[in-house]
N, C-alpha and C. Protein backbone atom coordinates (compact mmCIF):
# COMPACT_ATOMS: atom_id res chain seq x y z
N UNK A 1 154.93 70.71 85.92
CA UNK A 1 156.10 71.09 85.73
C UNK A 1 156.87 70.36 86.51
N UNK A 2 158.26 69.38 86.33
CA UNK A 2 158.63 68.90 87.44
C UNK A 2 159.73 70.12 87.74
N UNK A 3 160.41 69.67 89.02
CA UNK A 3 161.49 70.25 89.89
C UNK A 3 162.65 69.91 89.33
N UNK A 4 163.86 71.14 89.32
CA UNK A 4 165.14 69.96 88.84
C UNK A 4 165.84 69.17 90.53
N UNK A 5 166.41 68.62 90.64
CA UNK A 5 166.96 67.86 91.22
C UNK A 5 168.22 68.26 91.84
N UNK A 6 168.15 68.71 93.20
CA UNK A 6 169.24 69.51 93.51
C UNK A 6 169.89 68.88 94.85
N UNK A 7 170.83 69.44 95.79
CA UNK A 7 171.14 69.08 96.94
C UNK A 7 169.69 69.63 97.76
N UNK A 8 169.37 70.90 97.66
CA UNK A 8 168.41 71.17 98.45
C UNK A 8 166.81 70.10 98.12
N UNK A 9 167.25 69.55 96.89
CA UNK A 9 165.82 68.89 96.62
C UNK A 9 165.90 67.25 95.87
N UNK A 10 166.11 67.04 97.33
CA UNK A 10 166.98 65.56 96.95
C UNK A 10 165.02 64.24 95.78
N UNK A 11 165.59 63.58 94.83
CA UNK A 11 164.62 62.68 94.53
C UNK A 11 163.86 61.62 95.09
N UNK A 12 162.70 61.44 95.28
CA UNK A 12 162.05 60.01 96.07
C UNK A 12 161.58 59.20 95.10
N UNK A 13 161.71 58.00 95.42
CA UNK A 13 160.78 57.13 94.61
C UNK A 13 159.02 57.21 94.77
N UNK A 14 158.33 57.55 94.62
CA UNK A 14 156.54 57.23 95.06
C UNK A 14 156.38 56.25 93.75
N UNK A 15 155.75 55.34 94.83
CA UNK A 15 154.70 54.25 94.09
C UNK A 15 153.21 54.66 94.01
N UNK A 16 152.57 54.66 93.05
CA UNK A 16 150.90 55.02 93.03
C UNK A 16 150.32 53.91 93.59
N UNK A 17 149.92 53.81 94.47
CA UNK A 17 148.89 52.49 94.83
C UNK A 17 147.09 52.65 94.30
N UNK A 18 146.97 53.83 94.16
CA UNK A 18 145.68 53.95 93.86
C UNK A 18 145.58 55.13 92.47
N UNK A 19 145.41 55.37 91.22
CA UNK A 19 145.61 55.94 90.24
C UNK A 19 144.38 57.20 90.61
N UNK A 20 143.66 57.19 91.09
CA UNK A 20 142.98 58.29 91.78
C UNK A 20 143.74 59.33 92.06
N UNK A 21 144.91 59.46 92.52
CA UNK A 21 145.79 60.14 93.83
C UNK A 21 146.62 60.81 92.05
N UNK A 22 146.70 60.47 91.13
CA UNK A 22 147.81 60.87 90.19
C UNK A 22 147.72 62.67 90.43
N UNK A 23 146.68 63.04 90.22
CA UNK A 23 146.31 64.46 90.02
C UNK A 23 146.35 65.45 91.42
N UNK A 24 146.62 64.54 92.71
CA UNK A 24 146.83 65.04 93.77
C UNK A 24 148.00 64.30 95.08
N UNK A 25 148.78 64.61 94.04
CA UNK A 25 150.21 63.98 94.75
C UNK A 25 150.81 64.84 95.52
N UNK A 26 152.11 64.54 96.49
CA UNK A 26 151.76 65.43 97.63
C UNK A 26 152.85 66.59 96.71
N UNK A 27 152.53 67.80 97.12
CA UNK A 27 153.18 69.10 96.18
C UNK A 27 153.44 70.31 97.42
N UNK A 28 154.45 71.47 97.31
CA UNK A 28 154.69 71.97 98.23
C UNK A 28 154.24 73.10 97.97
N UNK A 29 152.97 74.05 98.24
CA UNK A 29 152.33 74.93 98.09
C UNK A 29 152.68 76.21 97.28
N UNK A 30 154.05 76.32 98.18
CA UNK A 30 154.63 77.68 98.05
C UNK A 30 156.57 77.12 97.99
N UNK A 31 157.15 78.08 97.25
CA UNK A 31 159.05 77.93 97.69
C UNK A 31 159.35 77.05 99.15
N UNK A 32 158.59 78.27 99.57
CA UNK A 32 159.21 78.44 101.01
C UNK A 32 158.13 77.35 101.67
N UNK A 33 157.44 76.86 101.71
CA UNK A 33 156.86 75.22 102.29
C UNK A 33 157.72 74.24 102.80
N UNK A 34 157.00 73.82 103.74
CA UNK A 34 158.57 72.93 104.78
C UNK A 34 157.64 71.38 104.21
N UNK A 35 156.58 71.37 104.08
CA UNK A 35 155.90 70.24 104.13
C UNK A 35 154.81 69.87 102.79
N UNK A 36 154.68 69.19 102.59
CA UNK A 36 153.57 68.64 101.30
C UNK A 36 152.74 67.98 102.28
N UNK A 37 151.76 68.36 101.36
CA UNK A 37 150.29 67.98 101.73
C UNK A 37 150.02 66.46 101.35
N UNK A 38 149.19 65.41 102.59
CA UNK A 38 148.99 64.38 102.28
C UNK A 38 147.31 64.26 101.98
N UNK A 39 146.74 63.86 101.30
CA UNK A 39 145.14 63.78 100.94
C UNK A 39 144.81 62.11 101.58
N UNK A 40 143.58 61.96 102.17
CA UNK A 40 142.98 61.06 102.50
C UNK A 40 142.57 60.39 101.02
N UNK A 41 143.09 58.89 101.52
CA UNK A 41 142.29 57.87 100.30
C UNK A 41 141.20 57.56 100.88
N UNK A 42 139.73 57.98 100.55
CA UNK A 42 138.51 57.66 101.35
C UNK A 42 138.08 56.96 100.01
N UNK A 43 136.90 56.43 100.17
CA UNK A 43 135.57 55.71 98.69
C UNK A 43 134.67 56.65 99.75
N UNK A 44 134.18 57.39 101.06
CA UNK A 44 133.29 57.77 101.30
C UNK A 44 133.96 58.77 102.04
N UNK A 45 132.94 59.79 102.82
CA UNK A 45 132.97 60.92 104.10
C UNK A 45 133.33 59.86 105.31
N UNK A 46 134.62 60.12 106.60
CA UNK A 46 135.17 59.19 107.42
C UNK A 46 134.10 60.28 108.67
N UNK A 47 133.79 59.89 109.10
CA UNK A 47 133.00 60.96 110.69
C UNK A 47 133.59 60.63 111.79
N UNK A 48 134.67 61.30 112.44
CA UNK A 48 134.98 61.15 113.65
C UNK A 48 134.68 61.75 115.12
N UNK A 49 133.87 61.07 115.78
CA UNK A 49 133.66 61.38 117.00
C UNK A 49 134.62 62.09 117.77
N UNK A 50 134.43 62.89 118.90
CA UNK A 50 135.66 63.40 119.82
C UNK A 50 136.12 61.78 120.24
N UNK A 51 137.51 62.21 120.56
CA UNK A 51 137.92 61.33 120.92
C UNK A 51 138.33 59.40 119.96
N UNK A 52 137.35 59.59 118.73
CA UNK A 52 137.96 58.78 117.57
C UNK A 52 139.14 58.79 117.25
N UNK A 53 139.88 57.48 116.69
CA UNK A 53 140.99 57.74 115.94
C UNK A 53 140.94 56.36 114.82
N UNK A 54 141.04 56.63 113.55
CA UNK A 54 141.40 55.86 112.77
C UNK A 54 142.42 56.23 111.42
N UNK A 55 143.25 55.18 111.22
CA UNK A 55 144.46 54.74 110.20
C UNK A 55 143.27 54.94 109.04
N UNK A 56 143.80 56.15 108.35
CA UNK A 56 143.68 56.49 106.71
C UNK A 56 144.57 56.68 106.11
N UNK A 57 144.51 55.93 104.64
CA UNK A 57 145.81 55.39 103.63
C UNK A 57 145.75 56.96 102.91
N UNK A 58 147.10 57.14 102.40
CA UNK A 58 147.38 58.40 101.60
C UNK A 58 147.45 57.76 99.97
N UNK A 59 147.41 55.99 99.69
CA UNK A 59 147.42 55.43 98.72
C UNK A 59 148.99 55.61 97.97
N UNK A 60 149.68 55.92 98.38
CA UNK A 60 151.32 56.46 98.33
C UNK A 60 152.25 55.42 99.12
N UNK A 61 153.12 55.30 98.04
CA UNK A 61 154.75 54.41 99.03
C UNK A 61 155.61 55.53 98.74
N UNK A 62 156.82 55.89 99.53
CA UNK A 62 157.13 57.00 99.05
C UNK A 62 158.72 55.91 99.68
N UNK A 63 160.12 55.97 99.16
CA UNK A 63 160.46 55.31 99.26
C UNK A 63 161.96 56.36 99.57
N UNK A 64 162.18 56.97 100.75
CA UNK A 64 163.81 57.56 100.89
C UNK A 64 164.72 57.36 100.25
N UNK A 65 164.81 56.17 100.88
CA UNK A 65 166.62 55.20 100.06
C UNK A 65 167.97 55.90 100.45
N UNK A 66 168.26 57.31 100.96
CA UNK A 66 169.03 57.93 101.53
C UNK A 66 169.31 57.78 102.87
N UNK A 67 170.10 56.57 103.88
CA UNK A 67 170.42 57.03 105.37
C UNK A 67 170.00 57.85 105.88
N UNK A 68 170.64 58.45 105.45
CA UNK A 68 170.95 60.84 106.11
C UNK A 68 169.66 61.51 105.85
N UNK A 69 168.34 60.63 105.41
CA UNK A 69 167.10 61.46 105.40
C UNK A 69 165.84 60.24 105.90
N UNK A 70 164.84 61.02 106.89
CA UNK A 70 163.21 60.38 107.12
C UNK A 70 162.31 61.16 106.55
N UNK A 71 161.10 60.61 106.75
CA UNK A 71 159.95 61.52 106.53
C UNK A 71 160.15 61.65 107.71
N UNK A 72 158.79 62.46 107.66
CA UNK A 72 157.75 62.68 109.03
C UNK A 72 156.79 63.06 108.75
N UNK A 73 155.62 62.71 109.63
CA UNK A 73 154.05 63.04 109.10
C UNK A 73 153.71 63.80 110.02
N UNK A 74 153.06 64.96 110.01
CA UNK A 74 152.72 65.93 110.99
C UNK A 74 151.49 66.64 110.77
N UNK A 75 150.86 66.78 111.59
CA UNK A 75 149.02 66.88 111.94
C UNK A 75 149.07 68.52 110.70
N UNK A 76 148.16 69.05 110.34
CA UNK A 76 147.84 70.26 109.22
C UNK A 76 147.68 71.39 110.25
N UNK A 77 148.21 72.38 110.54
CA UNK A 77 148.03 73.70 111.54
C UNK A 77 146.54 73.88 111.73
N UNK A 78 145.96 74.36 110.72
CA UNK A 78 144.65 74.46 110.44
C UNK A 78 143.97 73.33 111.12
N UNK A 79 143.55 72.22 110.55
CA UNK A 79 142.63 71.06 111.01
C UNK A 79 142.82 71.12 112.47
N UNK A 80 143.88 71.01 113.29
CA UNK A 80 144.65 71.28 114.59
C UNK A 80 144.31 72.00 115.77
N UNK A 81 144.11 73.16 114.92
CA UNK A 81 143.69 73.73 115.44
C UNK A 81 142.21 74.93 115.46
N UNK A 82 141.62 74.52 114.41
CA UNK A 82 140.37 74.71 114.09
C UNK A 82 139.06 73.26 114.69
N UNK A 83 139.96 72.55 114.44
CA UNK A 83 138.98 71.22 114.05
C UNK A 83 139.33 70.17 115.35
N UNK A 84 140.18 70.22 115.77
CA UNK A 84 140.76 69.23 117.24
C UNK A 84 141.54 68.08 116.21
N UNK A 85 141.78 68.13 114.61
CA UNK A 85 142.04 66.87 114.04
C UNK A 85 143.60 67.43 114.26
N UNK A 86 144.38 65.93 114.76
CA UNK A 86 145.67 66.08 114.33
C UNK A 86 146.17 64.27 114.51
N UNK A 87 147.23 64.06 114.49
CA UNK A 87 147.76 62.36 114.54
C UNK A 87 147.45 61.88 115.79
N UNK A 88 146.96 60.77 115.34
CA UNK A 88 146.81 59.44 116.60
C UNK A 88 148.51 59.56 117.43
N UNK A 89 149.25 59.36 116.73
CA UNK A 89 150.36 58.71 116.93
C UNK A 89 151.56 60.37 117.42
N UNK A 90 150.56 61.55 116.96
CA UNK A 90 151.66 62.90 117.14
C UNK A 90 152.38 63.31 116.02
N UNK A 91 153.50 62.52 115.97
CA UNK A 91 154.20 62.44 114.61
C UNK A 91 154.79 61.00 114.22
N UNK A 92 154.33 61.03 112.99
CA UNK A 92 154.98 59.77 111.81
C UNK A 92 156.16 59.84 111.61
N UNK A 93 156.76 58.78 112.00
CA UNK A 93 158.60 58.98 111.77
C UNK A 93 158.20 57.93 110.73
N UNK A 94 159.16 58.54 109.37
CA UNK A 94 159.45 57.13 108.23
C UNK A 94 160.69 56.88 107.81
N UNK A 95 161.07 55.94 108.16
CA UNK A 95 162.81 55.47 108.17
C UNK A 95 162.99 55.71 106.31
N UNK A 96 164.22 55.78 105.99
CA UNK A 96 164.76 55.62 104.92
C UNK A 96 164.57 54.53 104.16
N UNK A 97 164.68 53.14 104.78
CA UNK A 97 164.31 51.94 104.29
C UNK A 97 163.13 51.53 104.01
N UNK A 98 161.82 52.12 104.84
CA UNK A 98 160.51 51.78 104.51
C UNK A 98 160.41 52.10 102.78
N UNK A 99 159.19 51.06 102.97
CA UNK A 99 158.51 51.27 101.32
C UNK A 99 157.44 50.91 100.94
N UNK A 100 156.39 50.85 102.23
CA UNK A 100 154.87 50.54 102.27
C UNK A 100 154.14 51.83 102.21
N UNK A 101 153.36 51.63 102.34
CA UNK A 101 151.89 52.78 102.02
C UNK A 101 152.25 53.68 103.26
N UNK A 102 151.95 55.00 102.91
CA UNK A 102 152.12 56.12 103.91
C UNK A 102 150.74 55.76 104.63
N UNK A 103 150.39 55.99 106.13
CA UNK A 103 149.06 55.63 106.48
C UNK A 103 149.32 56.55 107.50
N UNK A 104 148.02 57.28 107.66
CA UNK A 104 148.29 58.38 108.65
C UNK A 104 147.15 58.46 109.91
N UNK A 105 147.20 58.76 110.99
CA UNK A 105 146.33 57.97 111.99
C UNK A 105 145.91 59.51 112.29
N UNK A 106 144.50 59.32 112.05
CA UNK A 106 143.61 60.54 112.28
C UNK A 106 142.95 60.21 113.50
N UNK A 107 142.78 61.68 114.29
CA UNK A 107 142.68 61.53 115.63
C UNK A 107 142.02 62.79 116.04
N UNK A 108 140.66 63.12 116.49
CA UNK A 108 139.65 63.75 116.41
C UNK A 108 140.03 64.32 118.07
N UNK A 109 140.85 65.14 118.49
CA UNK A 109 140.94 65.33 119.60
C UNK A 109 139.82 66.23 120.82
N UNK A 110 138.97 67.26 119.21
CA UNK A 110 138.46 68.34 119.64
C UNK A 110 137.15 67.49 120.60
N UNK A 111 136.10 68.78 120.71
CA UNK A 111 134.79 68.29 121.08
C UNK A 111 133.51 68.28 120.35
N UNK A 112 133.47 68.18 118.97
CA UNK A 112 132.32 68.26 118.00
C UNK A 112 132.94 66.80 117.31
N UNK A 113 131.85 66.92 116.27
CA UNK A 113 132.07 65.52 115.33
C UNK A 113 132.65 66.39 114.27
N UNK A 114 133.79 65.55 113.40
CA UNK A 114 134.35 66.02 112.33
C UNK A 114 134.36 65.02 111.17
N UNK A 115 133.83 65.88 109.86
CA UNK A 115 134.01 64.72 108.69
C UNK A 115 135.02 64.63 108.11
N UNK A 116 135.90 64.16 107.81
CA UNK A 116 136.88 64.00 106.89
C UNK A 116 136.66 63.25 105.16
N UNK A 117 136.45 64.41 104.43
CA UNK A 117 135.55 64.12 103.31
C UNK A 117 137.27 63.39 102.01
N UNK A 118 136.51 62.30 101.24
CA UNK A 118 137.83 61.71 100.36
C UNK A 118 138.84 62.60 99.51
N UNK A 119 139.54 62.68 99.69
CA UNK A 119 140.88 63.07 99.01
C UNK A 119 141.07 64.58 99.88
N UNK A 120 140.23 65.19 100.70
CA UNK A 120 141.09 66.03 102.08
C UNK A 120 142.15 66.46 102.15
N UNK A 121 142.79 67.07 102.25
CA UNK A 121 144.34 67.35 102.90
C UNK A 121 144.10 67.11 104.03
N UNK A 122 144.86 65.99 104.68
CA UNK A 122 144.79 65.22 105.98
C UNK A 122 146.01 65.73 107.10
N UNK A 123 147.08 65.86 106.56
CA UNK A 123 148.69 65.58 106.87
C UNK A 123 149.44 66.17 106.36
N UNK A 124 150.67 66.46 106.54
CA UNK A 124 152.13 67.17 105.95
C UNK A 124 153.02 66.01 105.96
N UNK A 125 153.51 66.00 105.01
CA UNK A 125 155.24 65.07 104.88
C UNK A 125 156.14 65.86 104.50
N UNK A 126 157.33 66.08 105.53
CA UNK A 126 158.18 66.54 105.80
C UNK A 126 159.64 65.65 105.75
N UNK A 127 160.40 66.23 105.03
CA UNK A 127 162.15 65.43 104.82
C UNK A 127 162.70 66.34 105.74
N UNK A 128 163.61 65.14 106.61
CA UNK A 128 164.47 65.63 107.28
C UNK A 128 165.66 65.22 107.56
N UNK A 129 166.79 65.72 107.63
CA UNK A 129 167.95 65.04 108.04
C UNK A 129 167.96 64.23 109.14
N UNK A 130 168.97 63.53 109.08
CA UNK A 130 168.96 62.30 109.85
C UNK A 130 170.86 62.13 110.69
N UNK A 131 170.88 62.23 111.96
CA UNK A 131 172.44 61.71 112.12
C UNK A 131 172.82 60.36 113.18
N UNK A 132 173.00 59.49 112.42
CA UNK A 132 172.94 58.39 113.49
C UNK A 132 174.28 58.45 114.13
N UNK A 133 174.06 58.48 115.71
CA UNK A 133 175.24 58.18 116.69
C UNK A 133 175.78 56.73 117.10
N UNK A 134 176.66 57.29 117.53
CA UNK A 134 177.58 55.61 118.22
C UNK A 134 177.38 56.15 119.56
N UNK A 135 177.23 54.99 120.49
CA UNK A 135 176.92 55.36 122.01
C UNK A 135 178.10 54.83 122.31
N UNK A 136 178.58 55.63 123.75
CA UNK A 136 179.83 55.53 124.07
C UNK A 136 179.66 55.24 125.82
N UNK A 137 180.39 53.99 126.48
CA UNK A 137 180.06 54.20 127.90
C UNK A 137 181.18 54.82 128.45
N UNK A 138 180.35 55.94 129.39
CA UNK A 138 181.32 56.26 130.21
C UNK A 138 180.95 56.90 131.90
N UNK A 139 182.11 56.39 132.77
CA UNK A 139 181.61 57.09 134.01
C UNK A 139 181.06 57.81 134.69
N UNK A 140 181.50 59.01 133.92
CA UNK A 140 181.40 60.52 134.16
C UNK A 140 180.50 61.32 132.92
N UNK A 141 180.31 62.30 133.62
CA UNK A 141 180.14 63.30 131.55
C UNK A 141 180.86 65.02 132.41
N UNK A 142 181.19 65.35 131.39
CA UNK A 142 182.15 66.67 131.99
C UNK A 142 181.18 67.34 132.89
N UNK A 143 181.86 68.55 133.03
CA UNK A 143 180.70 69.37 133.79
C UNK A 143 179.64 70.42 132.64
N UNK A 144 178.82 70.75 132.86
CA UNK A 144 177.91 71.42 131.99
C UNK A 144 177.66 72.70 132.46
N UNK A 145 176.64 73.79 132.02
CA UNK A 145 176.55 74.78 132.40
C UNK A 145 175.26 74.73 133.32
N UNK A 146 174.46 73.16 132.62
CA UNK A 146 173.41 73.29 133.68
C UNK A 146 173.81 72.09 134.82
N UNK A 147 174.93 72.31 134.96
CA UNK A 147 175.26 71.27 136.43
C UNK A 147 174.45 69.72 136.75
N UNK A 148 174.05 70.17 137.96
CA UNK A 148 173.11 69.03 138.06
C UNK A 148 172.09 69.43 138.34
N UNK A 149 171.58 70.22 137.44
CA UNK A 149 169.77 70.67 137.25
C UNK A 149 169.28 69.59 136.10
N UNK A 150 168.32 69.17 136.78
CA UNK A 150 167.29 68.08 135.72
C UNK A 150 166.09 68.79 134.89
N UNK A 151 165.33 67.71 134.39
CA UNK A 151 164.17 68.85 133.72
C UNK A 151 163.33 69.66 134.80
N UNK A 152 163.70 70.82 133.83
CA UNK A 152 163.18 72.08 134.04
C UNK A 152 163.69 73.14 134.80
N UNK A 153 165.50 72.45 135.01
CA UNK A 153 166.10 73.57 135.81
C UNK A 153 166.61 74.77 135.06
N UNK A 154 166.01 74.91 134.08
CA UNK A 154 166.65 76.08 133.29
C UNK A 154 165.80 77.68 133.49
N UNK A 155 164.17 77.10 134.46
CA UNK A 155 163.46 77.93 134.34
C UNK A 155 162.26 78.23 133.51
N UNK A 156 161.70 79.31 133.21
CA UNK A 156 160.17 79.43 132.65
C UNK A 156 160.90 80.10 130.93
N UNK A 157 161.83 81.44 131.75
CA UNK A 157 161.57 82.48 130.79
C UNK A 157 163.04 83.05 130.05
């Protein structure tokens, strides 16, 4: 069942680069889900020893097209917490004009070997708003509440 297009649900163009993914398209698990799961396009299990990092195909190209949006690839909480499987680049940023295959840098930062199975959910794709800024050179800034405080100046609690 397809979801209606609305301002809260923009339509993105998706190219299937491997027909095996037709039944494993990214989707939201619930109406409250922020991310869609991405599946590992593997022909056989991929074993990652502690410290190993591999680039894994998703078999999908997603073209956002709207410069007011960007895609982010984030780790799945359970894989990160239970197994130490996170992203090698920590967060993947997908620009609105990118049209190539989504790839996921899978890193085993854990202490034990982990095997990623073919078509296992390995990361999540989140669409976020983007605001492009213009830089203006100034001689000084207006005073702020932080004053001259720098990194860590607002305290711990």
